[in-house]
Amino acid sequence: MEKRILIVGGSPDTREQVSQALVRGGLRVYTAADSVGGLFQFGLVRPHVVILDTDEWETMERMRALSSVPIIALTAGDASAESLNHGADFFVVKPPSLGELRAKVQASLRRA
């Protein structure tokens, strides 16, 4: 069964880079530009892991209230600890290291 990853928020370039890296790893990737699209996709797709830009704190809290799905926050360096307080399981500092991000996605999938 293909694992589904949802990427929400961030710049279009970052979403595309992350998406391509994960697709090459055999994952099915869905994206949403903002919180409204992200919450819609979350309910529709039922992802195994969510990657969320830290501009989307309220979205992270809503997703956490609905599900225990692993959430990986893409953070600015100073928002790393805050992302964990808002419900993230992991964080990756922007610009993301694609290798680190793939490793954290795989770790999240193993735990789920």
PDB file of N, CA and C in Angstrom:
ATOM      1  N   MET A   1       0.832  -1.175   0.000  1.00  0.00           N
ATOM      2  CA  MET A   1       0.000   0.000   0.000  1.00  0.00           C
ATOM      3  C   MET A   1       0.888   1.254   0.000  1.00  0.00           C
ATOM      4  N   GLU A   2       0.590   2.165  -0.900  1.00  0.00           N
ATOM      5  CA  GLU A   2       1.326   3.410  -0.998  1.00  0.00           C
ATOM      6  C   GLU A   2       1.024   4.303   0.200  1.00  0.00           C
ATOM      7  N   LYS A   3       2.060   4.835   0.796  1.00  0.00           N
ATOM      8  CA  LYS A   3       1.891   5.749   1.929  1.00  0.00           C
ATOM      9  C   LYS A   3       1.617   7.150   1.408  1.00  0.00           C
ATOM     10  N   ARG A   4       0.670   7.830   2.035  1.00  0.00           N
ATOM     11  CA  ARG A   4       0.240   9.157   1.611  1.00  0.00           C
ATOM     12  C   ARG A   4       0.834  10.235   2.518  1.00  0.00           C
ATOM     13  N   ILE A   5       1.453  11.226   1.875  1.00  0.00           N
ATOM     14  CA  ILE A   5       2.049  12.345   2.589  1.00  0.00           C
ATOM     15  C   ILE A   5       1.348  13.616   2.145  1.00  0.00           C
ATOM     16  N   LEU A   6       0.986  14.467   3.089  1.00  0.00           N
ATOM     17  CA  LEU A   6       0.360  15.748   2.787  1.00  0.00           C
ATOM     18  C   LEU A   6       1.312  16.865   3.172  1.00  0.00           C
ATOM     19  N   ILE A   7       1.600  17.753   2.218  1.00  0.00           N
ATOM     20  CA  ILE A   7       2.443  18.925   2.459  1.00  0.00           C
ATOM     21  C   ILE A   7       1.535  20.150   2.426  1.00  0.00           C
ATOM     22  N   VAL A   8       1.582  20.949   3.506  1.00  0.00           N
ATOM     23  CA  VAL A   8       0.700  22.117   3.607  1.00  0.00           C
ATOM     24  C   VAL A   8       1.521  23.377   3.844  1.00  0.00           C
ATOM     25  N   GLY A   9       1.232  24.409   3.048  1.00  0.00           N
ATOM     26  CA  GLY A   9       1.833  25.720   3.235  1.00  0.00           C
ATOM     27  C   GLY A   9       3.240  25.812   2.692  1.00  0.00           C
ATOM     28  N   GLY A  10       3.893  26.899   3.042  1.00  0.00           N
ATOM     29  CA  GLY A  10       5.244  27.150   2.559  1.00  0.00           C
ATOM     30  C   GLY A  10       5.232  27.710   1.153  1.00  0.00           C
ATOM     31  N   SER A  11       6.407  27.929   0.629  1.00  0.00           N
ATOM     32  CA  SER A  11       6.515  28.484  -0.720  1.00  0.00           C
ATOM     33  C   SER A  11       6.244  27.400  -1.755  1.00  0.00           C
ATOM     34  N   PRO A  12       5.778  27.800  -2.927  1.00  0.00           N
ATOM     35  CA  PRO A  12       5.566  26.803  -3.993  1.00  0.00           C
ATOM     36  C   PRO A  12       6.843  26.036  -4.332  1.00  0.00           C
ATOM     37  N   ASP A  13       7.984  26.711  -4.321  1.00  0.00           N
ATOM     38  CA  ASP A  13       9.253  26.038  -4.621  1.00  0.00           C
ATOM     39  C   ASP A  13       9.583  24.971  -3.584  1.00  0.00           C
ATOM     40  N   THR A  14       9.394  25.301  -2.321  1.00  0.00           N
ATOM     41  CA  THR A  14       9.670  24.324  -1.261  1.00  0.00           C
ATOM     42  C   THR A  14       8.728  23.131  -1.363  1.00  0.00           C
ATOM     43  N   ARG A  15       7.433  23.398  -1.570  1.00  0.00           N
ATOM     44  CA  ARG A  15       6.481  22.290  -1.720  1.00  0.00           C
ATOM     45  C   ARG A  15       6.890  21.384  -2.873  1.00  0.00           C
ATOM     46  N   GLU A  16       7.315  21.969  -3.981  1.00  0.00           N
ATOM     47  CA  GLU A  16       7.701  21.182  -5.156  1.00  0.00           C
ATOM     48  C   GLU A  16       8.961  20.365  -4.890  1.00  0.00           C
ATOM     49  N   GLN A  17       9.970  20.967  -4.278  1.00  0.00           N
ATOM     50  CA  GLN A  17      11.209  20.246  -3.972  1.00  0.00           C
ATOM     51  C   GLN A  17      10.958  19.074  -3.033  1.00  0.00           C
ATOM     52  N   VAL A  18      10.215  19.326  -1.979  1.00  0.00           N
ATOM     53  CA  VAL A  18       9.913  18.280  -0.998  1.00  0.00           C
ATOM     54  C   VAL A  18       9.076  17.190  -1.655  1.00  0.00           C
ATOM     55  N   SER A  19       8.079  17.587  -2.420  1.00  0.00           N
ATOM     56  CA  SER A  19       7.217  16.627  -3.101  1.00  0.00           C
ATOM     57  C   SER A  19       8.016  15.711  -4.014  1.00  0.00           C
ATOM     58  N   GLN A  20       8.879  16.284  -4.834  1.00  0.00           N
ATOM     59  CA  GLN A  20       9.675  15.478  -5.762  1.00  0.00           C
ATOM     60  C   GLN A  20      10.587  14.508  -5.022  1.00  0.00           C
ATOM     61  N   ALA A  21      11.202  14.970  -3.934  1.00  0.00           N
ATOM     62  CA  ALA A  21      12.092  14.101  -3.159  1.00  0.00           C
ATOM     63  C   ALA A  21      11.331  12.910  -2.569  1.00  0.00           C
ATOM     64  N   LEU A  22      10.125  13.144  -2.101  1.00  0.00           N
ATOM     65  CA  LEU A  22       9.344  12.070  -1.484  1.00  0.00           C
ATOM     66  C   LEU A  22       8.765  11.124  -2.533  1.00  0.00           C
ATOM     67  N   VAL A  23       8.344  11.661  -3.669  1.00  0.00           N
ATOM     68  CA  VAL A  23       7.822  10.813  -4.751  1.00  0.00           C
ATOM     69  C   VAL A  23       8.930   9.863  -5.233  1.00  0.00           C
ATOM     70  N   ARG A  24      10.150  10.392  -5.349  1.00  0.00           N
ATOM     71  CA  ARG A  24      11.284   9.529  -5.753  1.00  0.00           C
ATOM     72  C   ARG A  24      11.499   8.407  -4.751  1.00  0.00           C
ATOM     73  N   GLY A  25      11.094   8.634  -3.513  1.00  0.00           N
ATOM     74  CA  GLY A  25      11.211   7.617  -2.469  1.00  0.00           C
ATOM     75  C   GLY A  25      10.034   6.651  -2.437  1.00  0.00           C
ATOM     76  N   GLY A  26       9.135   6.763  -3.418  1.00  0.00           N
ATOM     77  CA  GLY A  26       8.026   5.820  -3.513  1.00  0.00           C
ATOM     78  C   GLY A  26       6.782   6.209  -2.732  1.00  0.00           C
ATOM     79  N   LEU A  27       6.686   7.456  -2.311  1.00  0.00           N
ATOM     80  CA  LEU A  27       5.537   7.896  -1.539  1.00  0.00           C
ATOM     81  C   LEU A  27       4.554   8.647  -2.422  1.00  0.00           C
ATOM     82  N   ARG A  28       3.301   8.633  -2.044  1.00  0.00           N
ATOM     83  CA  ARG A  28       2.254   9.379  -2.751  1.00  0.00           C
ATOM     84  C   ARG A  28       2.117  10.726  -2.044  1.00  0.00           C
ATOM     85  N   VAL A  29       2.293  11.816  -2.769  1.00  0.00           N
ATOM     86  CA  VAL A  29       2.326  13.139  -2.148  1.00  0.00           C
ATOM     87  C   VAL A  29       1.166  13.991  -2.634  1.00  0.00           C
ATOM     88  N   TYR A  30       0.518  14.652  -1.687  1.00  0.00           N
ATOM     89  CA  TYR A  30      -0.543  15.609  -1.944  1.00  0.00           C
ATOM     90  C   TYR A  30      -0.080  16.941  -1.367  1.00  0.00           C
ATOM     91  N   THR A  31      -0.470  18.045  -1.994  1.00  0.00           N
ATOM     92  CA  THR A  31      -0.051  19.350  -1.494  1.00  0.00           C
ATOM     93  C   THR A  31      -1.242  20.286  -1.389  1.00  0.00           C
ATOM     94  N   ALA A  32      -1.084  21.260  -0.506  1.00  0.00           N
ATOM     95  CA  ALA A  32      -2.071  22.326  -0.358  1.00  0.00           C
ATOM     96  C   ALA A  32      -1.309  23.610  -0.050  1.00  0.00           C
ATOM     97  N   ALA A  33      -1.700  24.683  -0.698  1.00  0.00           N
ATOM     98  CA  ALA A  33      -0.997  25.947  -0.547  1.00  0.00           C
ATOM     99  C   ALA A  33      -1.290  26.639   0.774  1.00  0.00           C
ATOM    100  N   ASP A  34      -2.450  26.353   1.377  1.00  0.00           N
ATOM    101  CA  ASP A  34      -2.835  27.081   2.584  1.00  0.00           C
ATOM    102  C   ASP A  34      -3.615  26.188   3.533  1.00  0.00           C
ATOM    103  N   SER A  35      -4.005  26.761   4.665  1.00  0.00           N
ATOM    104  CA  SER A  35      -4.671  25.978   5.704  1.00  0.00           C
ATOM    105  C   SER A  35      -6.033  25.460   5.270  1.00  0.00           C
ATOM    106  N   VAL A  36      -6.787  26.250   4.521  1.00  0.00           N
ATOM    107  CA  VAL A  36      -8.109  25.793   4.068  1.00  0.00           C
ATOM    108  C   VAL A  36      -7.955  24.556   3.187  1.00  0.00           C
ATOM    109  N   GLY A  37      -7.081  24.643   2.188  1.00  0.00           N
ATOM    110  CA  GLY A  37      -6.826  23.493   1.327  1.00  0.00           C
ATOM    111  C   GLY A  37      -6.213  22.335   2.099  1.00  0.00           C
ATOM    112  N   GLY A  38      -5.359  22.661   3.055  1.00  0.00           N
ATOM    113  CA  GLY A  38      -4.722  21.623   3.864  1.00  0.00           C
ATOM    114  C   GLY A  38      -5.716  20.833   4.696  1.00  0.00           C
ATOM    115  N   LEU A  39      -6.634  21.530   5.331  1.00  0.00           N
ATOM    116  CA  LEU A  39      -7.641  20.824   6.131  1.00  0.00           C
ATOM    117  C   LEU A  39      -8.583  20.010   5.248  1.00  0.00           C
ATOM    118  N   PHE A  40      -8.912  20.548   4.073  1.00  0.00           N
ATOM    119  CA  PHE A  40      -9.751  19.799   3.133  1.00  0.00           C
ATOM    120  C   PHE A  40      -9.033  18.519   2.692  1.00  0.00           C
ATOM    121  N   GLN A  41      -7.780  18.658   2.271  1.00  0.00           N
ATOM    122  CA  GLN A  41      -6.997  17.486   1.836  1.00  0.00           C
ATOM    123  C   GLN A  41      -6.808  16.497   2.987  1.00  0.00           C
ATOM    124  N   PHE A  42      -6.620  17.007   4.193  1.00  0.00           N
ATOM    125  CA  PHE A  42      -6.427  16.157   5.363  1.00  0.00           C
ATOM    126  C   PHE A  42      -7.607  15.204   5.541  1.00  0.00           C
ATOM    127  N   GLY A  43      -8.816  15.758   5.434  1.00  0.00           N
ATOM    128  CA  GLY A  43     -10.008  14.925   5.567  1.00  0.00           C
ATOM    129  C   GLY A  43     -10.226  14.008   4.387  1.00  0.00           C
ATOM    130  N   LEU A  44      -9.897  14.471   3.197  1.00  0.00           N
ATOM    131  CA  LEU A  44     -10.116  13.704   1.978  1.00  0.00           C
ATOM    132  C   LEU A  44      -9.091  12.588   1.792  1.00  0.00           C
ATOM    133  N   VAL A  45      -7.835  12.906   1.978  1.00  0.00           N
ATOM    134  CA  VAL A  45      -6.730  11.994   1.677  1.00  0.00           C
ATOM    135  C   VAL A  45      -6.418  11.041   2.827  1.00  0.00           C
ATOM    136  N   ARG A  46      -6.627  11.503   4.052  1.00  0.00           N
ATOM    137  CA  ARG A  46      -6.267  10.743   5.256  1.00  0.00           C
ATOM    138  C   ARG A  46      -4.801  10.320   5.198  1.00  0.00           C
ATOM    139  N   PRO A  47      -3.904  11.312   5.246  1.00  0.00           N
ATOM    140  CA  PRO A  47      -2.472  11.036   5.070  1.00  0.00           C
ATOM    141  C   PRO A  47      -1.882  10.231   6.215  1.00  0.00           C
ATOM    142  N   HIS A  48      -0.769   9.570   5.912  1.00  0.00           N
ATOM    143  CA  HIS A  48      -0.019   8.843   6.935  1.00  0.00           C
ATOM    144  C   HIS A  48       0.942   9.769   7.673  1.00  0.00           C
ATOM    145  N   VAL A  49       1.384  10.848   6.998  1.00  0.00           N
ATOM    146  CA  VAL A  49       2.261  11.863   7.590  1.00  0.00           C
ATOM    147  C   VAL A  49       1.894  13.209   6.986  1.00  0.00           C
ATOM    148  N   VAL A  50       1.946  14.267   7.807  1.00  0.00           N
ATOM    149  CA  VAL A  50       1.723  15.636   7.339  1.00  0.00           C
ATOM    150  C   VAL A  50       3.025  16.415   7.514  1.00  0.00           C
ATOM    151  N   ILE A  51       3.397  17.168   6.484  1.00  0.00           N
ATOM    152  CA  ILE A  51       4.519  18.108   6.563  1.00  0.00           C
ATOM    153  C   ILE A  51       3.891  19.494   6.472  1.00  0.00           C
ATOM    154  N   LEU A  52       4.124  20.295   7.493  1.00  0.00           N
ATOM    155  CA  LEU A  52       3.388  21.551   7.637  1.00  0.00           C
ATOM    156  C   LEU A  52       4.344  22.702   7.861  1.00  0.00           C
ATOM    157  N   ASP A  53       4.179  23.775   7.087  1.00  0.00           N
ATOM    158  CA  ASP A  53       4.964  24.977   7.303  1.00  0.00           C
ATOM    159  C   ASP A  53       4.524  25.615   8.614  1.00  0.00           C
ATOM    160  N   THR A  54       5.451  26.194   9.340  1.00  0.00           N
ATOM    161  CA  THR A  54       5.107  26.722  10.665  1.00  0.00           C
ATOM    162  C   THR A  54       4.248  27.967  10.630  1.00  0.00           C
ATOM    163  N   ASP A  55       3.977  28.517   9.474  1.00  0.00           N
ATOM    164  CA  ASP A  55       3.024  29.613   9.411  1.00  0.00           C
ATOM    165  C   ASP A  55       1.611  29.116   9.670  1.00  0.00           C
ATOM    166  N   GLU A  56       1.441  27.822   9.780  1.00  0.00           N
ATOM    167  CA  GLU A  56       0.122  27.190   9.878  1.00  0.00           C
ATOM    168  C   GLU A  56      -0.126  26.611  11.274  1.00  0.00           C
ATOM    169  N   TRP A  57       0.152  27.375  12.342  1.00  0.00           N
ATOM    170  CA  TRP A  57      -0.012  26.867  13.711  1.00  0.00           C
ATOM    171  C   TRP A  57      -1.429  26.394  13.983  1.00  0.00           C
ATOM    172  N   GLU A  58      -2.405  27.204  13.600  1.00  0.00           N
ATOM    173  CA  GLU A  58      -3.804  26.844  13.873  1.00  0.00           C
ATOM    174  C   GLU A  58      -4.178  25.555  13.137  1.00  0.00           C
ATOM    175  N   THR A  59      -3.686  25.412  11.930  1.00  0.00           N
ATOM    176  CA  THR A  59      -3.953  24.193  11.158  1.00  0.00           C
ATOM    177  C   THR A  59      -3.346  22.989  11.862  1.00  0.00           C
ATOM    178  N   MET A  60      -2.122  23.148  12.361  1.00  0.00           N
ATOM    179  CA  MET A  60      -1.465  22.050  13.084  1.00  0.00           C
ATOM    180  C   MET A  60      -2.293  21.648  14.300  1.00  0.00           C
ATOM    181  N   GLU A  61      -2.761  22.626  15.041  1.00  0.00           N
ATOM    182  CA  GLU A  61      -3.551  22.326  16.241  1.00  0.00           C
ATOM    183  C   GLU A  61      -4.869  21.649  15.878  1.00  0.00           C
ATOM    184  N   ARG A  62      -5.505  22.077  14.802  1.00  0.00           N
ATOM    185  CA  ARG A  62      -6.750  21.432  14.364  1.00  0.00           C
ATOM    186  C   ARG A  62      -6.502  19.990  13.945  1.00  0.00           C
ATOM    187  N   MET A  63      -5.448  19.775  13.168  1.00  0.00           N
ATOM    188  CA  MET A  63      -5.132  18.402  12.734  1.00  0.00           C
ATOM    189  C   MET A  63      -4.826  17.521  13.935  1.00  0.00           C
ATOM    190  N   ARG A  64      -4.083  18.072  14.902  1.00  0.00           N
ATOM    191  CA  ARG A  64      -3.735  17.299  16.094  1.00  0.00           C
ATOM    192  C   ARG A  64      -4.987  16.955  16.894  1.00  0.00           C
ATOM    193  N   ALA A  65      -5.957  17.857  16.933  1.00  0.00           N
ATOM    194  CA  ALA A  65      -7.206  17.586  17.655  1.00  0.00           C
ATOM    195  C   ALA A  65      -8.024  16.492  16.971  1.00  0.00           C
ATOM    196  N   LEU A  66      -7.872  16.367  15.646  1.00  0.00           N
ATOM    197  CA  LEU A  66      -8.642  15.379  14.881  1.00  0.00           C
ATOM    198  C   LEU A  66      -7.967  14.015  14.782  1.00  0.00           C
ATOM    199  N   SER A  67      -6.637  13.990  14.934  1.00  0.00           N
ATOM    200  CA  SER A  67      -5.915  12.768  14.609  1.00  0.00           C
ATOM    201  C   SER A  67      -4.560  12.730  15.307  1.00  0.00           C
ATOM    202  N   SER A  68      -4.015  11.545  15.421  1.00  0.00           N
ATOM    203  CA  SER A  68      -2.658  11.389  15.955  1.00  0.00           C
ATOM    204  C   SER A  68      -1.644  11.181  14.838  1.00  0.00           C
ATOM    205  N   VAL A  69      -2.025  11.524  13.600  1.00  0.00           N
ATOM    206  CA  VAL A  69      -1.119  11.385  12.462  1.00  0.00           C
ATOM    207  C   VAL A  69       0.177  12.144  12.759  1.00  0.00           C
ATOM    208  N   PRO A  70       1.335  11.574  12.425  1.00  0.00           N
ATOM    209  CA  PRO A  70       2.598  12.286  12.646  1.00  0.00           C
ATOM    210  C   PRO A  70       2.644  13.582  11.834  1.00  0.00           C
ATOM    211  N   ILE A  71       3.111  14.652  12.487  1.00  0.00           N
ATOM    212  CA  ILE A  71       3.254  15.952  11.846  1.00  0.00           C
ATOM    213  C   ILE A  71       4.708  16.376  11.931  1.00  0.00           C
ATOM    214  N   ILE A  72       5.258  16.745  10.784  1.00  0.00           N
ATOM    215  CA  ILE A  72       6.621  17.271  10.713  1.00  0.00           C
ATOM    216  C   ILE A  72       6.506  18.744  10.343  1.00  0.00           C
ATOM    217  N   ALA A  73       7.040  19.619  11.189  1.00  0.00           N
ATOM    218  CA  ALA A  73       6.966  21.064  10.950  1.00  0.00           C
ATOM    219  C   ALA A  73       8.222  21.523  10.226  1.00  0.00           C
ATOM    220  N   LEU A  74       8.032  22.340   9.190  1.00  0.00           N
ATOM    221  CA  LEU A  74       9.142  23.040   8.551  1.00  0.00           C
ATOM    222  C   LEU A  74       9.250  24.381   9.254  1.00  0.00           C
ATOM    223  N   THR A  75      10.355  24.619   9.957  1.00  0.00           N
ATOM    224  CA  THR A  75      10.447  25.781  10.833  1.00  0.00           C
ATOM    225  C   THR A  75      11.592  26.708  10.475  1.00  0.00           C
ATOM    226  N   ALA A  76      11.428  27.963  10.848  1.00  0.00           N
ATOM    227  CA  ALA A  76      12.566  28.865  10.919  1.00  0.00           C
ATOM    228  C   ALA A  76      13.295  28.461  12.196  1.00  0.00           C
ATOM    229  N   GLY A  77      14.574  28.669  12.267  1.00  0.00           N
ATOM    230  CA  GLY A  77      15.365  28.196  13.401  1.00  0.00           C
ATOM    231  C   GLY A  77      14.801  28.549  14.758  1.00  0.00           C
ATOM    232  N   ASP A  78      14.247  29.762  14.902  1.00  0.00           N
ATOM    233  CA  ASP A  78      13.751  30.206  16.202  1.00  0.00           C
ATOM    234  C   ASP A  78      12.377  29.650  16.558  1.00  0.00           C
ATOM    235  N   ALA A  79      11.721  28.944  15.630  1.00  0.00           N
ATOM    236  CA  ALA A  79      10.388  28.400  15.896  1.00  0.00           C
ATOM    237  C   ALA A  79      10.407  26.893  16.139  1.00  0.00           C
ATOM    238  N   SER A  80      11.585  26.310  16.225  1.00  0.00           N
ATOM    239  CA  SER A  80      11.691  24.853  16.341  1.00  0.00           C
ATOM    240  C   SER A  80      10.985  24.302  17.574  1.00  0.00           C
ATOM    241  N   ALA A  81      11.325  24.813  18.744  1.00  0.00           N
ATOM    242  CA  ALA A  81      10.704  24.314  19.973  1.00  0.00           C
ATOM    243  C   ALA A  81       9.222  24.643  19.996  1.00  0.00           C
ATOM    244  N   GLU A  82       8.875  25.816  19.477  1.00  0.00           N
ATOM    245  CA  GLU A  82       7.463  26.210  19.459  1.00  0.00           C
ATOM    246  C   GLU A  82       6.632  25.234  18.632  1.00  0.00           C
ATOM    247  N   SER A  83       7.201  24.723  17.543  1.00  0.00           N
ATOM    248  CA  SER A  83       6.453  23.778  16.704  1.00  0.00           C
ATOM    249  C   SER A  83       6.103  22.517  17.489  1.00  0.00           C
ATOM    250  N   LEU A  84       6.997  22.074  18.348  1.00  0.00           N
ATOM    251  CA  LEU A  84       6.711  20.898  19.177  1.00  0.00           C
ATOM    252  C   LEU A  84       5.605  21.200  20.174  1.00  0.00           C
ATOM    253  N   ASN A  85       5.581  22.419  20.703  1.00  0.00           N
ATOM    254  CA  ASN A  85       4.529  22.821  21.641  1.00  0.00           C
ATOM    255  C   ASN A  85       3.159  22.905  20.980  1.00  0.00           C
ATOM    256  N   HIS A  86       3.124  23.120  19.670  1.00  0.00           N
ATOM    257  CA  HIS A  86       1.857  23.224  18.940  1.00  0.00           C
ATOM    258  C   HIS A  86       1.385  21.870  18.404  1.00  0.00           C
ATOM    259  N   GLY A  87       2.159  20.804  18.613  1.00  0.00           N
ATOM    260  CA  GLY A  87       1.692  19.485  18.222  1.00  0.00           C
ATOM    261  C   GLY A  87       2.534  18.730  17.221  1.00  0.00           C
ATOM    262  N   ALA A  88       3.635  19.312  16.759  1.00  0.00           N
ATOM    263  CA  ALA A  88       4.495  18.600  15.812  1.00  0.00           C
ATOM    264  C   ALA A  88       5.225  17.458  16.517  1.00  0.00           C
ATOM    265  N   ASP A  89       5.496  16.406  15.770  1.00  0.00           N
ATOM    266  CA  ASP A  89       6.284  15.286  16.287  1.00  0.00           C
ATOM    267  C   ASP A  89       7.772  15.491  16.023  1.00  0.00           C
ATOM    268  N   PHE A  90       8.079  16.105  14.887  1.00  0.00           N
ATOM    269  CA  PHE A  90       9.442  16.414  14.476  1.00  0.00           C
ATOM    270  C   PHE A  90       9.438  17.808  13.875  1.00  0.00           C
ATOM    271  N   PHE A  91      10.627  18.387  13.717  1.00  0.00           N
ATOM    272  CA  PHE A  91      10.762  19.604  12.934  1.00  0.00           C
ATOM    273  C   PHE A  91      12.012  19.502  12.073  1.00  0.00           C
ATOM    274  N   VAL A  92      12.009  20.250  10.977  1.00  0.00           N
ATOM    275  CA  VAL A  92      13.153  20.383  10.089  1.00  0.00           C
ATOM    276  C   VAL A  92      13.295  21.875   9.834  1.00  0.00           C
ATOM    277  N   VAL A  93      14.487  22.409  10.068  1.00  0.00           N
ATOM    278  CA  VAL A  93      14.733  23.838   9.890  1.00  0.00           C
ATOM    279  C   VAL A  93      14.806  24.159   8.399  1.00  0.00           C
ATOM    280  N   LYS A  94      14.165  25.294   8.013  1.00  0.00           N
ATOM    281  CA  LYS A  94      14.176  25.751   6.627  1.00  0.00           C
ATOM    282  C   LYS A  94      15.479  26.478   6.331  1.00  0.00           C
ATOM    283  N   PRO A  95      15.999  26.375   5.122  1.00  0.00           N
ATOM    284  CA  PRO A  95      15.504  25.525   4.039  1.00  0.00           C
ATOM    285  C   PRO A  95      15.761  24.066   4.401  1.00  0.00           C
ATOM    286  N   PRO A  96      14.807  23.201   4.077  1.00  0.00           N
ATOM    287  CA  PRO A  96      14.905  21.818   4.556  1.00  0.00           C
ATOM    288  C   PRO A  96      16.010  21.030   3.877  1.00  0.00           C
ATOM    289  N   SER A  97      16.708  20.239   4.674  1.00  0.00           N
ATOM    290  CA  SER A  97      17.606  19.229   4.137  1.00  0.00           C
ATOM    291  C   SER A  97      16.709  18.080   3.688  1.00  0.00           C
ATOM    292  N   LEU A  98      16.692  17.794   2.388  1.00  0.00           N
ATOM    293  CA  LEU A  98      15.775  16.766   1.884  1.00  0.00           C
ATOM    294  C   LEU A  98      16.111  15.391   2.448  1.00  0.00           C
ATOM    295  N   GLY A  99      17.374  15.117   2.676  1.00  0.00           N
ATOM    296  CA  GLY A  99      17.764  13.843   3.274  1.00  0.00           C
ATOM    297  C   GLY A  99      17.241  13.702   4.693  1.00  0.00           C
ATOM    298  N   GLU A 100      17.373  14.764   5.483  1.00  0.00           N
ATOM    299  CA  GLU A 100      16.862  14.755   6.852  1.00  0.00           C
ATOM    300  C   GLU A 100      15.343  14.627   6.861  1.00  0.00           C
ATOM    301  N   LEU A 101      14.698  15.348   5.969  1.00  0.00           N
ATOM    302  CA  LEU A 101      13.238  15.293   5.906  1.00  0.00           C
ATOM    303  C   LEU A 101      12.758  13.898   5.523  1.00  0.00           C
ATOM    304  N   ARG A 102      13.383  13.288   4.512  1.00  0.00           N
ATOM    305  CA  ARG A 102      13.002  11.916   4.124  1.00  0.00           C
ATOM    306  C   ARG A 102      13.202  10.952   5.286  1.00  0.00           C
ATOM    307  N   ALA A 103      14.294  11.104   6.027  1.00  0.00           N
ATOM    308  CA  ALA A 103      14.560  10.221   7.170  1.00  0.00           C
ATOM    309  C   ALA A 103      13.487  10.386   8.247  1.00  0.00           C
ATOM    310  N   LYS A 104      13.060  11.610   8.498  1.00  0.00           N
ATOM    311  CA  LYS A 104      12.030  11.837   9.517  1.00  0.00           C
ATOM    312  C   LYS A 104      10.661  11.340   9.045  1.00  0.00           C
ATOM    313  N   VAL A 105      10.389  11.436   7.751  1.00  0.00           N
ATOM    314  CA  VAL A 105       9.147  10.871   7.218  1.00  0.00           C
ATOM    315  C   VAL A 105       9.170   9.355   7.402  1.00  0.00           C
ATOM    316  N   GLN A 106      10.278   8.719   7.049  1.00  0.00           N
ATOM    317  CA  GLN A 106      10.378   7.255   7.192  1.00  0.00           C
ATOM    318  C   GLN A 106      10.263   6.837   8.661  1.00  0.00           C
ATOM    319  N   ALA A 107      10.889   7.583   9.561  1.00  0.00           N
ATOM    320  CA  ALA A 107      10.765   7.276  10.993  1.00  0.00           C
ATOM    321  C   ALA A 107       9.319   7.407  11.452  1.00  0.00           C
ATOM    322  N   SER A 108       8.634   8.439  10.967  1.00  0.00           N
ATOM    323  CA  SER A 108       7.230   8.634  11.323  1.00  0.00           C
ATOM    324  C   SER A 108       6.367   7.496  10.810  1.00  0.00           C
ATOM    325  N   LEU A 109       6.636   7.044   9.596  1.00  0.00           N
ATOM    326  CA  LEU A 109       5.873   5.935   9.025  1.00  0.00           C
ATOM    327  C   LEU A 109       6.106   4.644   9.801  1.00  0.00           C
ATOM    328  N   ARG A 110       7.317   4.422  10.257  1.00  0.00           N
ATOM    329  CA  ARG A 110       7.594   3.209  11.043  1.00  0.00           C
ATOM    330  C   ARG A 110       6.830   3.221  12.364  1.00  0.00           C
ATOM    331  N   ARG A 111       6.700   4.393  12.974  1.00  0.00           N
ATOM    332  CA  ARG A 111       6.041   4.505  14.277  1.00  0.00           C
ATOM    333  C   ARG A 111       4.517   4.457  14.173  1.00  0.00           C
ATOM    334  N   ALA A 112       4.002   4.873  13.020  1.00  0.00           N
ATOM    335  CA  ALA A 112       2.535   4.982  12.869  1.00  0.00           C
ATOM    336  C   ALA A 112       1.885   3.625  12.766  1.00  0.00           C
TER     337      ALA A 112
END
